[in-house]
C-alpha cells in the first residue's frame, strides 16, 4: 500500500537530524538512541506514512485505539508496538496479547497479570518501570526508593522481560530543575544496570526536552506532535 508523502516525512527527517546532532554534541552513539513515534489519536494513514519513511516503533496511550490499529496493520509484522499509557487491570489482557512493550508498569499486580496473560507462543513482553522521579502527587509511577523492590518482584516472572526505566519529569521551564530530574534518572538507571544486566532502555525525553534527555543518557525519546502534528481528540 503506497501512501502519499506528507509533512510527516519531513518531520521525521528533522527529528532524526536533531537526535543525530544531540548525540554528536554529547559524544553519544546515535544508534543507541531510539525514536518512539507517539501515534496516539492519529489515524492509521499517518502511521503508514511514517512506516513508508522507515519508521518502525510506535507508541499508543489508549488500549482500545491501539489494539484496533494493530489489528488493521497486522500485515506489517516488523512494527514494534509500545503501550505507554496508564493500564487498568481489566484491560491488561489486551496489552499482553497485542503489544511488544509496555512502558508504564508501576505495580507488581499489573506485571503479574501481564505475565499470566501473555501467550505461551509469544516472545516475552518487554517492560519498563515508570518512575515518578519528582515525587509528584498526581503523577503515576513508583518512587525512586521503590524501584529495586518492584524489580526484584518482577524478576521472578517468566513471560516478562524488564528492559529499563521510563519517566516523565515535572513540566518546568527551569532548566536547572529539568537537569536535576534527568540526572536523578540517569543515576538510578546506572544503579539498576549493575544488578539487572538486561537493562538497556532509559525512556525519557519528549519534543520539548529531547536534547537534555539525550545529554543525560536517554536511549529512547518519545515524540508525537513533532512528527504527527497536534493531537486529535482521543477516541477511547
Protein backbone atom coordinates (compact mmCIF):
# COMPACT_ATOMS: atom_id res chain seq x y z
CA UNK A 1 0.00 0.00 0.00
CA UNK A 2 1.51 3.28 -1.09
CA UNK A 3 0.71 6.40 0.89
CA UNK A 4 1.25 9.89 -0.46
CA UNK A 5 4.20 11.58 1.20
CA UNK A 6 3.10 14.35 3.57
CA UNK A 7 4.78 16.65 6.11
CA UNK A 8 5.23 13.59 8.35
CA UNK A 9 8.19 12.60 6.17
CA UNK A 10 9.84 15.97 6.64
CA UNK A 11 9.05 15.99 10.36
CA UNK A 12 10.66 12.59 10.80
CA UNK A 13 13.71 13.80 8.93
CA UNK A 14 14.03 16.82 11.21
CA UNK A 15 13.57 14.84 14.43
CA UNK A 16 16.16 12.28 13.34
CA UNK A 17 18.56 15.10 12.48
CA UNK A 18 18.02 16.61 15.94
CA UNK A 19 18.79 13.26 17.59
CA UNK A 20 21.92 12.90 15.49
CA UNK A 21 23.08 16.41 16.38
CA UNK A 22 22.44 15.89 20.10
CA UNK A 23 24.25 12.57 20.04
CA UNK A 24 27.26 14.20 18.41
CA UNK A 25 27.19 17.11 20.86
CA UNK A 26 27.20 14.81 23.89
CA UNK A 27 29.55 12.16 22.46
CA UNK A 28 26.80 9.56 22.20
CA UNK A 29 26.32 6.90 19.53
CA UNK A 30 23.14 7.91 17.71
CA UNK A 31 22.40 4.23 17.09
CA UNK A 32 21.89 3.85 20.85
CA UNK A 33 19.03 6.36 20.84
CA UNK A 34 15.68 5.07 19.64
CA UNK A 35 12.90 7.31 18.41
CA UNK A 36 9.43 6.25 19.54
CA UNK A 37 6.76 7.88 17.38
CA UNK A 38 3.80 8.54 19.66
CA UNK A 39 0.89 7.81 17.37
CA UNK A 40 -1.97 8.05 19.89
CA UNK A 41 -5.13 9.66 18.44
CA UNK A 42 -3.55 9.62 14.97
CA UNK A 43 -5.09 7.64 12.09
CA UNK A 44 -3.61 4.53 10.56
CA UNK A 45 -2.82 6.52 7.43
CA UNK A 46 -0.39 8.68 9.43
CA UNK A 47 1.33 5.61 10.84
CA UNK A 48 1.69 4.24 7.31
CA UNK A 49 3.30 7.48 6.16
CA UNK A 50 5.87 7.16 8.93
CA UNK A 51 6.32 3.48 8.13
CA UNK A 52 7.00 4.20 4.46
CA UNK A 53 9.66 6.65 5.59
CA UNK A 54 11.49 3.94 7.50
CA UNK A 55 9.96 4.20 10.96
CA UNK A 56 9.06 1.06 12.89
CA UNK A 57 8.42 1.89 16.57
CA UNK A 58 5.08 3.42 17.58
CA UNK A 59 3.59 4.32 20.96
CA UNK A 60 -0.07 4.21 21.94
CA UNK A 61 -1.76 5.52 25.11
CA UNK A 62 -5.25 4.08 24.76
CA UNK A 63 -5.77 0.32 24.80
CA UNK A 64 -8.81 0.07 22.51
CA UNK A 65 -7.40 2.51 19.95
CA UNK A 66 -4.02 0.79 19.97
CA UNK A 67 -5.48 -2.69 19.52
CA UNK A 68 -7.62 -1.52 16.60
CA UNK A 69 -4.56 -0.07 14.87
CA UNK A 70 -2.50 -3.20 15.49
CA UNK A 71 -5.27 -5.33 14.01
CA UNK A 72 -5.59 -3.07 10.97
CA UNK A 73 -1.82 -3.16 10.40
CA UNK A 74 -1.26 -6.82 11.25
CA UNK A 75 0.44 -7.47 7.92
CA UNK A 76 3.23 -5.05 8.86
CA UNK A 77 4.87 -7.60 11.13
CA UNK A 78 8.04 -5.57 11.67
CA UNK A 79 6.23 -2.76 13.50
CA UNK A 80 7.11 -2.67 17.20
CA UNK A 81 4.17 -1.53 19.30
CA UNK A 82 4.70 0.19 22.67
CA UNK A 83 1.93 0.79 25.16
CA UNK A 84 2.87 3.93 27.07
CA UNK A 85 -0.29 4.91 28.92
CA UNK A 86 -1.79 4.01 32.30
CA UNK A 87 -3.19 0.49 32.37
CA UNK A 88 -6.24 -0.74 34.23
CA UNK A 89 -6.35 -4.37 35.36
CA UNK A 90 -9.43 -5.13 33.27
CA UNK A 91 -7.58 -4.19 30.06
CA UNK A 92 -4.27 -5.89 30.76
CA UNK A 93 -5.11 -8.95 28.65
CA UNK A 94 -5.25 -6.81 25.50
CA UNK A 95 -1.82 -5.34 26.15
CA UNK A 96 -0.45 -8.81 26.94
CA UNK A 97 -1.85 -10.19 23.69
CA UNK A 98 -1.16 -7.39 21.22
CA UNK A 99 1.75 -5.21 22.29
CA UNK A 100 5.52 -5.78 22.22
CA UNK A 101 6.31 -3.33 25.02
CA UNK A 102 4.63 -1.61 27.93
CA UNK A 103 6.48 1.33 29.44
CA UNK A 104 4.12 2.26 32.27
CA UNK A 105 4.49 -0.50 34.86
CA UNK A 106 4.32 0.81 38.41
CA UNK A 107 2.60 -2.06 40.25
CA UNK A 108 3.52 -5.71 40.66
CA UNK A 109 -0.16 -6.63 40.37
CA UNK A 110 -0.25 -5.40 36.76
CA UNK A 111 3.07 -7.04 35.87
CA UNK A 112 1.83 -10.35 37.28
CA UNK A 113 -1.40 -10.16 35.31
CA UNK A 114 0.51 -9.43 32.11
CA UNK A 115 2.78 -12.38 32.80
CA UNK A 116 -0.20 -14.68 33.31
CA UNK A 117 -1.97 -13.39 30.20
CA UNK A 118 0.99 -13.38 27.81
CA UNK A 119 0.61 -16.27 25.37
CA UNK A 120 2.98 -19.20 25.67
CA UNK A 121 3.68 -18.87 21.93
CA UNK A 122 4.66 -15.20 22.24
CA UNK A 123 8.02 -13.67 22.98
CA UNK A 124 8.36 -12.23 26.49
CA UNK A 125 6.68 -8.86 26.91
CA UNK A 126 9.25 -6.07 27.21
CA UNK A 127 8.51 -3.66 30.03
CA UNK A 128 9.84 -0.50 31.59
CA UNK A 129 9.22 0.59 35.15
CA UNK A 130 7.64 4.04 35.25
CA UNK A 131 9.39 6.19 37.85
CA UNK A 132 7.83 9.24 39.48
CA UNK A 133 11.23 10.85 39.72
CA UNK A 134 9.99 14.18 41.11
CA UNK A 135 7.57 12.66 43.65
CA UNK A 136 4.60 14.47 42.12
CA UNK A 137 1.39 13.72 43.99
CA UNK A 138 -0.85 13.34 40.94
CA UNK A 139 1.57 11.51 38.65
CA UNK A 140 1.79 7.76 38.06
CA UNK A 141 4.97 5.83 38.71
CA UNK A 142 6.88 4.34 41.60
CA UNK A 143 9.16 6.42 43.73
CA UNK A 144 12.88 6.01 43.08
CA UNK A 145 13.24 4.38 46.51
CA UNK A 146 10.73 1.67 45.50
CA UNK A 147 12.24 0.70 42.17
CA UNK A 148 14.52 -2.10 43.35
CA UNK A 149 11.74 -3.74 45.39
CA UNK A 150 9.49 -3.84 42.34
CA UNK A 151 12.29 -5.05 40.08
CA UNK A 152 13.11 -7.93 42.40
CA UNK A 153 9.46 -8.99 42.39
CA UNK A 154 9.19 -8.77 38.61
CA UNK A 155 12.43 -10.70 38.09
CA UNK A 156 10.59 -13.88 39.17
CA UNK A 157 8.11 -13.65 36.29
CA UNK A 158 8.79 -15.82 33.24
CA UNK A 159 6.99 -14.05 30.39
CA UNK A 160 8.03 -10.53 31.31
CA UNK A 161 11.38 -9.04 30.34
CA UNK A 162 12.25 -5.88 32.25
CA UNK A 163 14.29 -3.71 29.92
CA UNK A 164 14.62 -0.45 31.80
CA UNK A 165 13.03 2.67 33.21
CA UNK A 166 10.64 5.31 31.91
CA UNK A 167 9.97 8.75 33.33
CA UNK A 168 8.04 11.91 32.59
CA UNK A 169 9.89 14.56 34.59
CA UNK A 170 7.99 17.51 36.01
CA UNK A 171 6.97 20.06 33.41
CA UNK A 172 9.01 23.18 34.08
CA UNK A 173 10.77 25.94 32.20
CA UNK A 174 13.55 25.93 34.79
CA UNK A 175 16.48 24.18 33.12
CA UNK A 176 18.19 23.55 36.45
CA UNK A 177 15.13 21.63 37.65
CA UNK A 178 15.00 19.69 34.39
CA UNK A 179 18.65 18.76 34.69
CA UNK A 180 18.16 17.63 38.25
CA UNK A 181 15.35 15.28 37.24
CA UNK A 182 17.23 13.81 34.30
CA UNK A 183 20.39 13.39 36.33
CA UNK A 184 18.50 11.51 39.04
CA UNK A 185 17.02 9.19 36.41
CA UNK A 186 20.42 8.60 34.85
CA UNK A 187 21.95 7.67 38.21
CA UNK A 188 19.06 5.34 39.03
CA UNK A 189 19.32 3.67 35.63
CA UNK A 190 23.06 3.08 36.06
CA UNK A 191 22.48 1.63 39.52
CA UNK A 192 19.83 -0.74 38.14
CA UNK A 193 22.12 -1.90 35.35
CA UNK A 194 24.58 -3.19 37.95
CA UNK A 195 22.02 -5.68 39.25
CA UNK A 196 19.93 -6.30 36.14
CA UNK A 197 22.14 -6.96 33.10
CA UNK A 198 19.20 -6.91 30.64
CA UNK A 199 18.63 -3.24 31.41
CA UNK A 200 19.28 -1.32 28.19
CA UNK A 201 16.45 1.20 27.97
CA UNK A 202 16.12 4.60 29.58
CA UNK A 203 12.96 6.09 28.10
CA UNK A 204 12.80 9.80 28.80
CA UNK A 205 12.59 12.97 26.81
CA UNK A 206 9.90 14.33 24.52
CA UNK A 207 9.72 17.06 21.92
CA UNK A 208 10.48 19.93 24.31
CA UNK A 209 13.27 18.33 26.34
CA UNK A 210 14.70 15.73 23.98
CA UNK A 211 18.19 17.19 23.76
CA UNK A 212 18.55 17.45 27.52
CA UNK A 213 17.35 13.88 27.94
CA UNK A 214 19.94 12.68 25.44
CA UNK A 215 22.62 14.55 27.35
CA UNK A 216 21.67 12.54 30.43
CA UNK A 217 21.73 9.14 28.78
CA UNK A 218 18.25 8.61 27.36
CA UNK A 219 18.14 5.66 24.98
CA UNK A 220 14.57 6.28 23.84
CA UNK A 221 12.84 9.59 23.20
CA UNK A 222 9.09 9.77 22.73
CA UNK A 223 7.92 12.25 20.10
CA UNK A 224 4.33 12.75 18.99
CA UNK A 225 3.48 16.30 17.94
CA UNK A 226 6.93 16.82 16.42
CA UNK A 227 6.19 14.00 13.97
CA UNK A 228 2.42 13.89 13.50
CA UNK A 229 1.35 17.42 14.41
CA UNK A 230 -1.18 18.44 17.07
CA UNK A 231 -3.09 15.63 18.72
CA UNK A 232 -6.63 14.74 17.74
CA UNK A 233 -9.30 14.16 20.35
CA UNK A 234 -8.95 10.60 21.75
CA UNK A 235 -11.50 8.02 20.64
CA UNK A 236 -11.10 5.54 23.51
